[in-house]
Amino acid sequence: MFFMGSLSLILIPLVMMLLYYFIYWKSYEQSHEKTSPFECGFNPMSNMRKPFSLRFFMLLILFLVFDVELVLMFPLYSVLHMNKSMLTIFMFYSFIMLLLIGLLYEWFMGMLDWSKS
């Protein structure tokens, strides 16, 4: 019984010290490969901020807005088939008119013209 107690008094701190060494000291070792970002064949030391066209960004925003509106139109179309009241027909056509007015507004403002500087 005395042997088990003394063995545990030696082994438990030894295991704790080894765990401390493997967890904390090894995590602080730094090498060039570990600290450099992985860039899939690109030079990681180059400038990270590349300029992009504002027209591309605005076209992306327009695409997202009209895509969400189109996704909202599909359930409205199924409701139109189930319930053919004048209110649902009016809602469906007013939603389509709102989409067309938005599209025409963006077209006349020149946001859809890619070649324009």
PDB file of N, CA and C in Angstrom:
ATOM      1  N   MET A   1       0.819  -1.188   0.000  1.00  0.00           N
ATOM      2  CA  MET A   1       0.000   0.000   0.000  1.00  0.00           C
ATOM      3  C   MET A   1       0.865   1.253   0.000  1.00  0.00           C
ATOM      4  N   PHE A   2       1.981   1.178   0.777  1.00  0.00           N
ATOM      5  CA  PHE A   2       2.896   2.312   0.823  1.00  0.00           C
ATOM      6  C   PHE A   2       3.543   2.536  -0.539  1.00  0.00           C
ATOM      7  N   PHE A   3       3.800   1.424  -1.234  1.00  0.00           N
ATOM      8  CA  PHE A   3       4.427   1.515  -2.555  1.00  0.00           C
ATOM      9  C   PHE A   3       3.520   2.235  -3.553  1.00  0.00           C
ATOM     10  N   MET A   4       2.221   1.962  -3.519  1.00  0.00           N
ATOM     11  CA  MET A   4       1.272   2.603  -4.433  1.00  0.00           C
ATOM     12  C   MET A   4       1.152   4.093  -4.149  1.00  0.00           C
ATOM     13  N   GLY A   5       1.158   4.480  -2.894  1.00  0.00           N
ATOM     14  CA  GLY A   5       1.057   5.885  -2.532  1.00  0.00           C
ATOM     15  C   GLY A   5       2.275   6.674  -2.963  1.00  0.00           C
ATOM     16  N   SER A   6       3.458   6.099  -2.749  1.00  0.00           N
ATOM     17  CA  SER A   6       4.680   6.809  -3.142  1.00  0.00           C
ATOM     18  C   SER A   6       4.822   6.840  -4.659  1.00  0.00           C
ATOM     19  N   LEU A   7       4.386   5.786  -5.325  1.00  0.00           N
ATOM     20  CA  LEU A   7       4.444   5.768  -6.789  1.00  0.00           C
ATOM     21  C   LEU A   7       3.504   6.811  -7.380  1.00  0.00           C
ATOM     22  N   SER A   8       2.319   6.949  -6.799  1.00  0.00           N
ATOM     23  CA  SER A   8       1.388   7.961  -7.304  1.00  0.00           C
ATOM     24  C   SER A   8       1.880   9.366  -6.996  1.00  0.00           C
ATOM     25  N   LEU A   9       2.598   9.554  -5.876  1.00  0.00           N
ATOM     26  CA  LEU A   9       3.165  10.863  -5.563  1.00  0.00           C
ATOM     27  C   LEU A   9       4.260  11.259  -6.554  1.00  0.00           C
ATOM     28  N   ILE A  10       4.890  10.309  -7.153  1.00  0.00           N
ATOM     29  CA  ILE A  10       5.942  10.594  -8.137  1.00  0.00           C
ATOM     30  C   ILE A  10       5.361  10.685  -9.545  1.00  0.00           C
ATOM     31  N   LEU A  11       4.476   9.768  -9.893  1.00  0.00           N
ATOM     32  CA  LEU A  11       3.974   9.701 -11.267  1.00  0.00           C
ATOM     33  C   LEU A  11       2.992  10.817 -11.610  1.00  0.00           C
ATOM     34  N   ILE A  12       2.137  11.205 -10.697  1.00  0.00           N
ATOM     35  CA  ILE A  12       1.141  12.239 -11.002  1.00  0.00           C
ATOM     36  C   ILE A  12       1.805  13.575 -11.313  1.00  0.00           C
ATOM     37  N   PRO A  13       2.765  14.075 -10.502  1.00  0.00           N
ATOM     38  CA  PRO A  13       3.427  15.327 -10.902  1.00  0.00           C
ATOM     39  C   PRO A  13       4.237  15.188 -12.187  1.00  0.00           C
ATOM     40  N   LEU A  14       4.815  14.004 -12.406  1.00  0.00           N
ATOM     41  CA  LEU A  14       5.586  13.790 -13.632  1.00  0.00           C
ATOM     42  C   LEU A  14       4.683  13.850 -14.863  1.00  0.00           C
ATOM     43  N   VAL A  15       3.534  13.235 -14.793  1.00  0.00           N
ATOM     44  CA  VAL A  15       2.579  13.278 -15.904  1.00  0.00           C
ATOM     45  C   VAL A  15       2.064  14.692 -16.110  1.00  0.00           C
ATOM     46  N   MET A  16       1.814  15.414 -15.025  1.00  0.00           N
ATOM     47  CA  MET A  16       1.352  16.803 -15.138  1.00  0.00           C
ATOM     48  C   MET A  16       2.414  17.680 -15.797  1.00  0.00           C
ATOM     49  N   MET A  17       3.684  17.481 -15.422  1.00  0.00           N
ATOM     50  CA  MET A  17       4.755  18.276 -16.029  1.00  0.00           C
ATOM     51  C   MET A  17       4.917  17.951 -17.508  1.00  0.00           C
ATOM     52  N   LEU A  18       4.792  16.699 -17.875  1.00  0.00           N
ATOM     53  CA  LEU A  18       4.896  16.325 -19.285  1.00  0.00           C
ATOM     54  C   LEU A  18       3.736  16.897 -20.091  1.00  0.00           C
ATOM     55  N   LEU A  19       2.542  16.850 -19.547  1.00  0.00           N
ATOM     56  CA  LEU A  19       1.396  17.446 -20.232  1.00  0.00           C
ATOM     57  C   LEU A  19       1.575  18.949 -20.393  1.00  0.00           C
ATOM     58  N   TYR A  20       2.076  19.590 -19.352  1.00  0.00           N
ATOM     59  CA  TYR A  20       2.332  21.029 -19.437  1.00  0.00           C
ATOM     60  C   TYR A  20       3.357  21.325 -20.531  1.00  0.00           C
ATOM     61  N   TYR A  21       4.397  20.536 -20.585  1.00  0.00           N
ATOM     62  CA  TYR A  21       5.429  20.737 -21.605  1.00  0.00           C
ATOM     63  C   TYR A  21       4.862  20.555 -23.010  1.00  0.00           C
ATOM     64  N   PHE A  22       4.130  19.491 -23.238  1.00  0.00           N
ATOM     65  CA  PHE A  22       3.622  19.213 -24.581  1.00  0.00           C
ATOM     66  C   PHE A  22       2.541  20.196 -25.008  1.00  0.00           C
ATOM     67  N   ILE A  23       1.749  20.670 -24.087  1.00  0.00           N
ATOM     68  CA  ILE A  23       0.654  21.573 -24.460  1.00  0.00           C
ATOM     69  C   ILE A  23       1.130  23.005 -24.608  1.00  0.00           C
ATOM     70  N   TYR A  24       1.854  23.520 -23.633  1.00  0.00           N
ATOM     71  CA  TYR A  24       2.158  24.956 -23.627  1.00  0.00           C
ATOM     72  C   TYR A  24       3.478  25.305 -24.306  1.00  0.00           C
ATOM     73  N   TRP A  25       4.513  24.570 -24.049  1.00  0.00           N
ATOM     74  CA  TRP A  25       5.806  24.947 -24.607  1.00  0.00           C
ATOM     75  C   TRP A  25       5.882  24.657 -26.093  1.00  0.00           C
ATOM     76  N   LYS A  26       5.291  23.600 -26.547  1.00  0.00           N
ATOM     77  CA  LYS A  26       5.326  23.275 -27.977  1.00  0.00           C
ATOM     78  C   LYS A  26       4.463  24.227 -28.793  1.00  0.00           C
ATOM     79  N   SER A  27       3.443  24.799 -28.195  1.00  0.00           N
ATOM     80  CA  SER A  27       2.588  25.713 -28.950  1.00  0.00           C
ATOM     81  C   SER A  27       3.273  27.048 -29.202  1.00  0.00           C
ATOM     82  N   TYR A  28       4.300  27.385 -28.421  1.00  0.00           N
ATOM     83  CA  TYR A  28       4.986  28.656 -28.611  1.00  0.00           C
ATOM     84  C   TYR A  28       6.133  28.572 -29.610  1.00  0.00           C
ATOM     85  N   GLU A  29       6.486  27.394 -30.045  1.00  0.00           N
ATOM     86  CA  GLU A  29       7.526  27.280 -31.061  1.00  0.00           C
ATOM     87  C   GLU A  29       6.983  27.795 -32.380  1.00  0.00           C
ATOM     88  N   GLN A  30       7.696  28.731 -32.980  1.00  0.00           N
ATOM     89  CA  GLN A  30       7.245  29.304 -34.239  1.00  0.00           C
ATOM     90  C   GLN A  30       8.284  29.032 -35.316  1.00  0.00           C
ATOM     91  N   SER A  31       7.795  28.709 -36.464  1.00  0.00           N
ATOM     92  CA  SER A  31       8.668  28.543 -37.615  1.00  0.00           C
ATOM     93  C   SER A  31       8.098  29.365 -38.761  1.00  0.00           C
ATOM     94  N   HIS A  32       8.885  29.526 -39.791  1.00  0.00           N
ATOM     95  CA  HIS A  32       8.442  30.337 -40.927  1.00  0.00           C
ATOM     96  C   HIS A  32       7.220  29.721 -41.611  1.00  0.00           C
ATOM     97  N   GLU A  33       7.172  28.412 -41.697  1.00  0.00           N
ATOM     98  CA  GLU A  33       6.053  27.753 -42.360  1.00  0.00           C
ATOM     99  C   GLU A  33       4.759  27.892 -41.560  1.00  0.00           C
ATOM    100  N   LYS A  34       4.874  27.890 -40.248  1.00  0.00           N
ATOM    101  CA  LYS A  34       3.668  27.988 -39.426  1.00  0.00           C
ATOM    102  C   LYS A  34       3.109  29.399 -39.378  1.00  0.00           C
ATOM    103  N   THR A  35       3.978  30.406 -39.468  1.00  0.00           N
ATOM    104  CA  THR A  35       3.504  31.784 -39.353  1.00  0.00           C
ATOM    105  C   THR A  35       3.138  32.405 -40.685  1.00  0.00           C
ATOM    106  N   SER A  36       3.556  31.818 -41.796  1.00  0.00           N
ATOM    107  CA  SER A  36       3.220  32.407 -43.094  1.00  0.00           C
ATOM    108  C   SER A  36       1.829  31.952 -43.521  1.00  0.00           C
ATOM    109  N   PRO A  37       1.050  32.837 -44.139  1.00  0.00           N
ATOM    110  CA  PRO A  37      -0.295  32.447 -44.583  1.00  0.00           C
ATOM    111  C   PRO A  37      -0.226  31.535 -45.800  1.00  0.00           C
ATOM    112  N   PHE A  38      -1.176  30.628 -45.878  1.00  0.00           N
ATOM    113  CA  PHE A  38      -1.244  29.717 -47.013  1.00  0.00           C
ATOM    114  C   PHE A  38      -2.015  30.395 -48.131  1.00  0.00           C
ATOM    115  N   GLU A  39      -1.390  30.563 -49.287  1.00  0.00           N
ATOM    116  CA  GLU A  39      -1.994  31.365 -50.349  1.00  0.00           C
ATOM    117  C   GLU A  39      -2.190  30.609 -51.662  1.00  0.00           C
ATOM    118  N   CYS A  40      -2.100  29.312 -51.683  1.00  0.00           N
ATOM    119  CA  CYS A  40      -2.383  28.505 -52.880  1.00  0.00           C
ATOM    120  C   CYS A  40      -1.554  28.942 -54.090  1.00  0.00           C
ATOM    121  N   GLY A  41      -0.269  29.087 -53.940  1.00  0.00           N
ATOM    122  CA  GLY A  41       0.579  29.406 -55.070  1.00  0.00           C
ATOM    123  C   GLY A  41       0.857  30.873 -55.262  1.00  0.00           C
ATOM    124  N   PHE A  42       0.225  31.757 -54.506  1.00  0.00           N
ATOM    125  CA  PHE A  42       0.480  33.188 -54.620  1.00  0.00           C
ATOM    126  C   PHE A  42       1.577  33.592 -53.648  1.00  0.00           C
ATOM    127  N   ASN A  43       2.221  34.695 -53.938  1.00  0.00           N
ATOM    128  CA  ASN A  43       3.252  35.212 -53.060  1.00  0.00           C
ATOM    129  C   ASN A  43       2.594  35.803 -51.813  1.00  0.00           C
ATOM    130  N   PRO A  44       2.849  35.255 -50.629  1.00  0.00           N
ATOM    131  CA  PRO A  44       2.173  35.778 -49.445  1.00  0.00           C
ATOM    132  C   PRO A  44       2.702  37.138 -48.995  1.00  0.00           C
ATOM    133  N   MET A  45       3.811  37.585 -49.537  1.00  0.00           N
ATOM    134  CA  MET A  45       4.372  38.869 -49.123  1.00  0.00           C
ATOM    135  C   MET A  45       3.876  40.026 -49.981  1.00  0.00           C
ATOM    136  N   SER A  46       3.021  39.770 -50.951  1.00  0.00           N
ATOM    137  CA  SER A  46       2.521  40.844 -51.803  1.00  0.00           C
ATOM    138  C   SER A  46       1.419  41.617 -51.078  1.00  0.00           C
ATOM    139  N   ASN A  47       0.966  42.696 -51.687  1.00  0.00           N
ATOM    140  CA  ASN A  47      -0.081  43.532 -51.107  1.00  0.00           C
ATOM    141  C   ASN A  47      -1.396  42.756 -51.091  1.00  0.00           C
ATOM    142  N   MET A  48      -2.025  42.682 -49.941  1.00  0.00           N
ATOM    143  CA  MET A  48      -3.242  41.885 -49.806  1.00  0.00           C
ATOM    144  C   MET A  48      -4.484  42.601 -50.317  1.00  0.00           C
ATOM    145  N   ARG A  49      -4.488  43.915 -50.327  1.00  0.00           N
ATOM    146  CA  ARG A  49      -5.668  44.657 -50.768  1.00  0.00           C
ATOM    147  C   ARG A  49      -5.534  44.995 -52.236  1.00  0.00           C
ATOM    148  N   LYS A  50      -6.266  44.302 -53.052  1.00  0.00           N
ATOM    149  CA  LYS A  50      -6.286  44.576 -54.481  1.00  0.00           C
ATOM    150  C   LYS A  50      -7.516  45.431 -54.786  1.00  0.00           C
ATOM    151  N   PRO A  51      -7.354  46.460 -55.597  1.00  0.00           N
ATOM    152  CA  PRO A  51      -8.522  47.295 -55.915  1.00  0.00           C
ATOM    153  C   PRO A  51      -9.504  46.538 -56.809  1.00  0.00           C
ATOM    154  N   PHE A  52     -10.778  46.775 -56.609  1.00  0.00           N
ATOM    155  CA  PHE A  52     -11.796  46.183 -57.465  1.00  0.00           C
ATOM    156  C   PHE A  52     -12.758  47.278 -57.890  1.00  0.00           C
ATOM    157  N   SER A  53     -13.459  46.994 -58.945  1.00  0.00           N
ATOM    158  CA  SER A  53     -14.340  47.985 -59.544  1.00  0.00           C
ATOM    159  C   SER A  53     -15.574  48.211 -58.673  1.00  0.00           C
ATOM    160  N   LEU A  54     -15.931  49.465 -58.492  1.00  0.00           N
ATOM    161  CA  LEU A  54     -17.139  49.797 -57.743  1.00  0.00           C
ATOM    162  C   LEU A  54     -18.381  49.374 -58.526  1.00  0.00           C
ATOM    163  N   ARG A  55     -18.297  49.388 -59.841  1.00  0.00           N
ATOM    164  CA  ARG A  55     -19.427  48.926 -60.673  1.00  0.00           C
ATOM    165  C   ARG A  55     -19.707  47.445 -60.434  1.00  0.00           C
ATOM    166  N   PHE A  56     -18.638  46.679 -60.298  1.00  0.00           N
ATOM    167  CA  PHE A  56     -18.820  45.255 -60.019  1.00  0.00           C
ATOM    168  C   PHE A  56     -19.520  45.062 -58.677  1.00  0.00           C
ATOM    169  N   PHE A  57     -19.131  45.835 -57.679  1.00  0.00           N
ATOM    170  CA  PHE A  57     -19.757  45.740 -56.364  1.00  0.00           C
ATOM    171  C   PHE A  57     -21.231  46.127 -56.424  1.00  0.00           C
ATOM    172  N   MET A  58     -21.552  47.208 -57.136  1.00  0.00           N
ATOM    173  CA  MET A  58     -22.948  47.644 -57.236  1.00  0.00           C
ATOM    174  C   MET A  58     -23.789  46.632 -58.022  1.00  0.00           C
ATOM    175  N   LEU A  59     -23.201  46.035 -59.054  1.00  0.00           N
ATOM    176  CA  LEU A  59     -23.919  45.008 -59.805  1.00  0.00           C
ATOM    177  C   LEU A  59     -24.168  43.780 -58.931  1.00  0.00           C
ATOM    178  N   LEU A  60     -23.226  43.461 -58.077  1.00  0.00           N
ATOM    179  CA  LEU A  60     -23.404  42.353 -57.148  1.00  0.00           C
ATOM    180  C   LEU A  60     -24.537  42.641 -56.165  1.00  0.00           C
ATOM    181  N   ILE A  61     -24.596  43.855 -55.647  1.00  0.00           N
ATOM    182  CA  ILE A  61     -25.675  44.227 -54.724  1.00  0.00           C
ATOM    183  C   ILE A  61     -27.030  44.162 -55.434  1.00  0.00           C
ATOM    184  N   LEU A  62     -27.074  44.651 -56.679  1.00  0.00           N
ATOM    185  CA  LEU A  62     -28.328  44.581 -57.445  1.00  0.00           C
ATOM    186  C   LEU A  62     -28.750  43.139 -57.676  1.00  0.00           C
ATOM    187  N   PHE A  63     -27.789  42.288 -57.999  1.00  0.00           N
ATOM    188  CA  PHE A  63     -28.103  40.880 -58.208  1.00  0.00           C
ATOM    189  C   PHE A  63     -28.680  40.266 -56.938  1.00  0.00           C
ATOM    190  N   LEU A  64     -28.075  40.562 -55.797  1.00  0.00           N
ATOM    191  CA  LEU A  64     -28.578  39.995 -54.545  1.00  0.00           C
ATOM    192  C   LEU A  64     -29.986  40.489 -54.221  1.00  0.00           C
ATOM    193  N   VAL A  65     -30.232  41.776 -54.441  1.00  0.00           N
ATOM    194  CA  VAL A  65     -31.560  42.329 -54.145  1.00  0.00           C
ATOM    195  C   VAL A  65     -32.617  41.702 -55.043  1.00  0.00           C
ATOM    196  N   PHE A  66     -32.346  41.640 -56.350  1.00  0.00           N
ATOM    197  CA  PHE A  66     -33.339  41.071 -57.261  1.00  0.00           C
ATOM    198  C   PHE A  66     -33.459  39.563 -57.096  1.00  0.00           C
ATOM    199  N   ASP A  67     -32.399  38.901 -56.678  1.00  0.00           N
ATOM    200  CA  ASP A  67     -32.472  37.466 -56.439  1.00  0.00           C
ATOM    201  C   ASP A  67     -33.355  37.173 -55.228  1.00  0.00           C
ATOM    202  N   VAL A  68     -33.219  37.952 -54.174  1.00  0.00           N
ATOM    203  CA  VAL A  68     -34.073  37.762 -52.994  1.00  0.00           C
ATOM    204  C   VAL A  68     -35.529  38.052 -53.342  1.00  0.00           C
ATOM    205  N   GLU A  69     -35.761  39.079 -54.144  1.00  0.00           N
ATOM    206  CA  GLU A  69     -37.139  39.381 -54.538  1.00  0.00           C
ATOM    207  C   GLU A  69     -37.720  38.272 -55.407  1.00  0.00           C
ATOM    208  N   LEU A  70     -36.894  37.669 -56.236  1.00  0.00           N
ATOM    209  CA  LEU A  70     -37.369  36.563 -57.060  1.00  0.00           C
ATOM    210  C   LEU A  70     -37.692  35.344 -56.200  1.00  0.00           C
ATOM    211  N   VAL A  71     -36.887  35.096 -55.183  1.00  0.00           N
ATOM    212  CA  VAL A  71     -37.172  33.987 -54.264  1.00  0.00           C
ATOM    213  C   VAL A  71     -38.466  34.250 -53.499  1.00  0.00           C
ATOM    214  N   LEU A  72     -38.739  35.503 -53.175  1.00  0.00           N
ATOM    215  CA  LEU A  72     -39.992  35.835 -52.498  1.00  0.00           C
ATOM    216  C   LEU A  72     -41.197  35.728 -53.428  1.00  0.00           C
ATOM    217  N   MET A  73     -40.965  35.787 -54.729  1.00  0.00           N
ATOM    218  CA  MET A  73     -42.072  35.742 -55.673  1.00  0.00           C
ATOM    219  C   MET A  73     -42.599  34.314 -55.873  1.00  0.00           C
ATOM    220  N   PHE A  74     -41.783  33.295 -55.699  1.00  0.00           N
ATOM    221  CA  PHE A  74     -42.241  31.926 -55.912  1.00  0.00           C
ATOM    222  C   PHE A  74     -43.348  31.501 -54.944  1.00  0.00           C
ATOM    223  N   PRO A  75     -43.243  31.754 -53.643  1.00  0.00           N
ATOM    224  CA  PRO A  75     -44.384  31.407 -52.775  1.00  0.00           C
ATOM    225  C   PRO A  75     -45.629  32.228 -53.096  1.00  0.00           C
ATOM    226  N   LEU A  76     -45.433  33.469 -53.515  1.00  0.00           N
ATOM    227  CA  LEU A  76     -46.578  34.301 -53.877  1.00  0.00           C
ATOM    228  C   LEU A  76     -47.290  33.732 -55.105  1.00  0.00           C
ATOM    229  N   TYR A  77     -46.530  33.170 -56.029  1.00  0.00           N
ATOM    230  CA  TYR A  77     -47.115  32.549 -57.214  1.00  0.00           C
ATOM    231  C   TYR A  77     -47.920  31.306 -56.839  1.00  0.00           C
ATOM    232  N   SER A  78     -47.429  30.520 -55.874  1.00  0.00           N
ATOM    233  CA  SER A  78     -48.189  29.333 -55.459  1.00  0.00           C
ATOM    234  C   SER A  78     -49.457  29.724 -54.699  1.00  0.00           C
ATOM    235  N   VAL A  79     -49.405  30.812 -53.936  1.00  0.00           N
ATOM    236  CA  VAL A  79     -50.606  31.304 -53.254  1.00  0.00           C
ATOM    237  C   VAL A  79     -51.614  31.795 -54.280  1.00  0.00           C
ATOM    238  N   LEU A  80     -51.139  32.380 -55.363  1.00  0.00           N
ATOM    239  CA  LEU A  80     -52.029  32.859 -56.420  1.00  0.00           C
ATOM    240  C   LEU A  80     -52.803  31.703 -57.051  1.00  0.00           C
ATOM    241  N   HIS A  81     -52.158  30.553 -57.204  1.00  0.00           N
ATOM    242  CA  HIS A  81     -52.855  29.394 -57.770  1.00  0.00           C
ATOM    243  C   HIS A  81     -53.851  28.788 -56.786  1.00  0.00           C
ATOM    244  N   MET A  82     -53.556  28.847 -55.498  1.00  0.00           N
ATOM    245  CA  MET A  82     -54.479  28.270 -54.517  1.00  0.00           C
ATOM    246  C   MET A  82     -55.659  29.193 -54.239  1.00  0.00           C
ATOM    247  N   ASN A  83     -55.416  30.483 -54.213  1.00  0.00           N
ATOM    248  CA  ASN A  83     -56.452  31.442 -53.861  1.00  0.00           C
ATOM    249  C   ASN A  83     -56.507  32.498 -54.959  1.00  0.00           C
ATOM    250  N   LYS A  84     -57.517  32.445 -55.793  1.00  0.00           N
ATOM    251  CA  LYS A  84     -57.596  33.360 -56.932  1.00  0.00           C
ATOM    252  C   LYS A  84     -58.484  34.561 -56.630  1.00  0.00           C
ATOM    253  N   SER A  85     -58.295  35.152 -55.476  1.00  0.00           N
ATOM    254  CA  SER A  85     -59.078  36.344 -55.154  1.00  0.00           C
ATOM    255  C   SER A  85     -58.424  37.565 -55.789  1.00  0.00           C
ATOM    256  N   MET A  86     -59.151  38.654 -55.815  1.00  0.00           N
ATOM    257  CA  MET A  86     -58.634  39.884 -56.430  1.00  0.00           C
ATOM    258  C   MET A  86     -57.469  40.457 -55.626  1.00  0.00           C
ATOM    259  N   LEU A  87     -57.483  40.250 -54.317  1.00  0.00           N
ATOM    260  CA  LEU A  87     -56.404  40.769 -53.478  1.00  0.00           C
ATOM    261  C   LEU A  87     -55.075  40.079 -53.790  1.00  0.00           C
ATOM    262  N   THR A  88     -55.089  38.755 -53.943  1.00  0.00           N
ATOM    263  CA  THR A  88     -53.843  38.056 -54.251  1.00  0.00           C
ATOM    264  C   THR A  88     -53.355  38.387 -55.653  1.00  0.00           C
ATOM    265  N   ILE A  89     -54.266  38.523 -56.598  1.00  0.00           N
ATOM    266  CA  ILE A  89     -53.862  38.910 -57.954  1.00  0.00           C
ATOM    267  C   ILE A  89     -53.267  40.312 -57.941  1.00  0.00           C
ATOM    268  N   PHE A  90     -53.880  41.227 -57.189  1.00  0.00           N
ATOM    269  CA  PHE A  90     -53.358  42.587 -57.081  1.00  0.00           C
ATOM    270  C   PHE A  90     -51.981  42.595 -56.414  1.00  0.00           C
ATOM    271  N   MET A  91     -51.807  41.788 -55.363  1.00  0.00           N
ATOM    272  CA  MET A  91     -50.504  41.712 -54.694  1.00  0.00           C
ATOM    273  C   MET A  91     -49.436  41.167 -55.628  1.00  0.00           C
ATOM    274  N   PHE A  92     -49.785  40.139 -56.407  1.00  0.00           N
ATOM    275  CA  PHE A  92     -48.817  39.536 -57.319  1.00  0.00           C
ATOM    276  C   PHE A  92     -48.384  40.535 -58.388  1.00  0.00           C
ATOM    277  N   TYR A  93     -49.343  41.192 -59.009  1.00  0.00           N
ATOM    278  CA  TYR A  93     -48.985  42.139 -60.070  1.00  0.00           C
ATOM    279  C   TYR A  93     -48.328  43.405 -59.524  1.00  0.00           C
ATOM    280  N   SER A  94     -48.684  43.818 -58.332  1.00  0.00           N
ATOM    281  CA  SER A  94     -47.999  44.982 -57.757  1.00  0.00           C
ATOM    282  C   SER A  94     -46.556  44.634 -57.392  1.00  0.00           C
ATOM    283  N   PHE A  95     -46.309  43.407 -56.970  1.00  0.00           N
ATOM    284  CA  PHE A  95     -44.942  42.969 -56.682  1.00  0.00           C
ATOM    285  C   PHE A  95     -44.106  42.937 -57.955  1.00  0.00           C
ATOM    286  N   ILE A  96     -44.689  42.434 -59.046  1.00  0.00           N
ATOM    287  CA  ILE A  96     -43.976  42.416 -60.326  1.00  0.00           C
ATOM    288  C   ILE A  96     -43.737  43.834 -60.823  1.00  0.00           C
ATOM    289  N   MET A  97     -44.706  44.714 -60.652  1.00  0.00           N
ATOM    290  CA  MET A  97     -44.518  46.111 -61.066  1.00  0.00           C
ATOM    291  C   MET A  97     -43.426  46.788 -60.236  1.00  0.00           C
ATOM    292  N   LEU A  98     -43.368  46.484 -58.959  1.00  0.00           N
ATOM    293  CA  LEU A  98     -42.311  47.031 -58.113  1.00  0.00           C
ATOM    294  C   LEU A  98     -40.937  46.550 -58.580  1.00  0.00           C
ATOM    295  N   LEU A  99     -40.847  45.283 -58.957  1.00  0.00           N
ATOM    296  CA  LEU A  99     -39.592  44.762 -59.505  1.00  0.00           C
ATOM    297  C   LEU A  99     -39.219  45.467 -60.803  1.00  0.00           C
ATOM    298  N   LEU A 100     -40.188  45.650 -61.686  1.00  0.00           N
ATOM    299  CA  LEU A 100     -39.904  46.310 -62.963  1.00  0.00           C
ATOM    300  C   LEU A 100     -39.533  47.777 -62.777  1.00  0.00           C
ATOM    301  N   ILE A 101     -40.191  48.462 -61.857  1.00  0.00           N
ATOM    302  CA  ILE A 101     -39.842  49.866 -61.593  1.00  0.00           C
ATOM    303  C   ILE A 101     -38.416  49.965 -61.048  1.00  0.00           C
ATOM    304  N   GLY A 102     -38.050  49.060 -60.155  1.00  0.00           N
ATOM    305  CA  GLY A 102     -36.679  49.052 -59.638  1.00  0.00           C
ATOM    306  C   GLY A 102     -35.661  48.754 -60.714  1.00  0.00           C
ATOM    307  N   LEU A 103     -35.984  47.811 -61.594  1.00  0.00           N
ATOM    308  CA  LEU A 103     -35.077  47.480 -62.689  1.00  0.00           C
ATOM    309  C   LEU A 103     -34.931  48.642 -63.653  1.00  0.00           C
ATOM    310  N   LEU A 104     -36.027  49.303 -64.005  1.00  0.00           N
ATOM    311  CA  LEU A 104     -35.951  50.462 -64.900  1.00  0.00           C
ATOM    312  C   LEU A 104     -35.199  51.618 -64.253  1.00  0.00           C
ATOM    313  N   TYR A 105     -35.377  51.826 -62.970  1.00  0.00           N
ATOM    314  CA  TYR A 105     -34.658  52.887 -62.269  1.00  0.00           C
ATOM    315  C   TYR A 105     -33.147  52.648 -62.325  1.00  0.00           C
ATOM    316  N   GLU A 106     -32.742  51.422 -62.052  1.00  0.00           N
ATOM    317  CA  GLU A 106     -31.312  51.111 -62.105  1.00  0.00           C
ATOM    318  C   GLU A 106     -30.777  51.204 -63.529  1.00  0.00           C
ATOM    319  N   TRP A 107     -31.586  50.858 -64.511  1.00  0.00           N
ATOM    320  CA  TRP A 107     -31.159  50.946 -65.897  1.00  0.00           C
ATOM    321  C   TRP A 107     -30.967  52.408 -66.306  1.00  0.00           C
ATOM    322  N   PHE A 108     -31.921  53.273 -65.943  1.00  0.00           N
ATOM    323  CA  PHE A 108     -31.808  54.689 -66.306  1.00  0.00           C
ATOM    324  C   PHE A 108     -30.719  55.410 -65.511  1.00  0.00           C
ATOM    325  N   MET A 109     -30.393  54.933 -64.329  1.00  0.00           N
ATOM    326  CA  MET A 109     -29.301  55.528 -63.554  1.00  0.00           C
ATOM    327  C   MET A 109     -27.932  55.071 -64.063  1.00  0.00           C
ATOM    328  N   GLY A 110     -27.916  54.100 -64.964  1.00  0.00           N
ATOM    329  CA  GLY A 110     -26.673  53.646 -65.571  1.00  0.00           C
ATOM    330  C   GLY A 110     -25.947  52.564 -64.803  1.00  0.00           C
ATOM    331  N   MET A 111     -26.592  51.942 -63.839  1.00  0.00           N
ATOM    332  CA  MET A 111     -25.916  50.911 -63.057  1.00  0.00           C
ATOM    333  C   MET A 111     -25.776  49.597 -63.809  1.00  0.00           C
ATOM    334  N   LEU A 112     -26.586  49.379 -64.828  1.00  0.00           N
ATOM    335  CA  LEU A 112     -26.504  48.133 -65.585  1.00  0.00           C
ATOM    336  C   LEU A 112     -25.598  48.251 -66.801  1.00  0.00           C
ATOM    337  N   ASP A 113     -25.108  49.454 -67.087  1.00  0.00           N
ATOM    338  CA  ASP A 113     -24.223  49.663 -68.229  1.00  0.00           C
ATOM    339  C   ASP A 113     -22.788  49.413 -67.778  1.00  0.00           C
ATOM    340  N   TRP A 114     -22.241  48.281 -68.167  1.00  0.00           N
ATOM    341  CA  TRP A 114     -20.922  47.879 -67.702  1.00  0.00           C
ATOM    342  C   TRP A 114     -19.802  48.684 -68.367  1.00  0.00           C
ATOM    343  N   SER A 115     -19.989  49.095 -69.615  1.00  0.00           N
ATOM    344  CA  SER A 115     -18.911  49.767 -70.347  1.00  0.00           C
ATOM    345  C   SER A 115     -18.745  51.223 -69.938  1.00  0.00           C
ATOM    346  N   LYS A 116     -19.688  51.784 -69.249  1.00  0.00           N
ATOM    347  CA  LYS A 116     -19.615  53.175 -68.823  1.00  0.00           C
ATOM    348  C   LYS A 116     -18.584  53.327 -67.704  1.00  0.00           C
ATOM    349  N   SER A 117     -17.745  54.352 -67.785  1.00  0.00           N
ATOM    350  CA  SER A 117     -16.700  54.526 -66.765  1.00  0.00           C
ATOM    351  C   SER A 117     -17.178  55.305 -65.588  1.00  0.00           C
TER     352      SER A 117
END
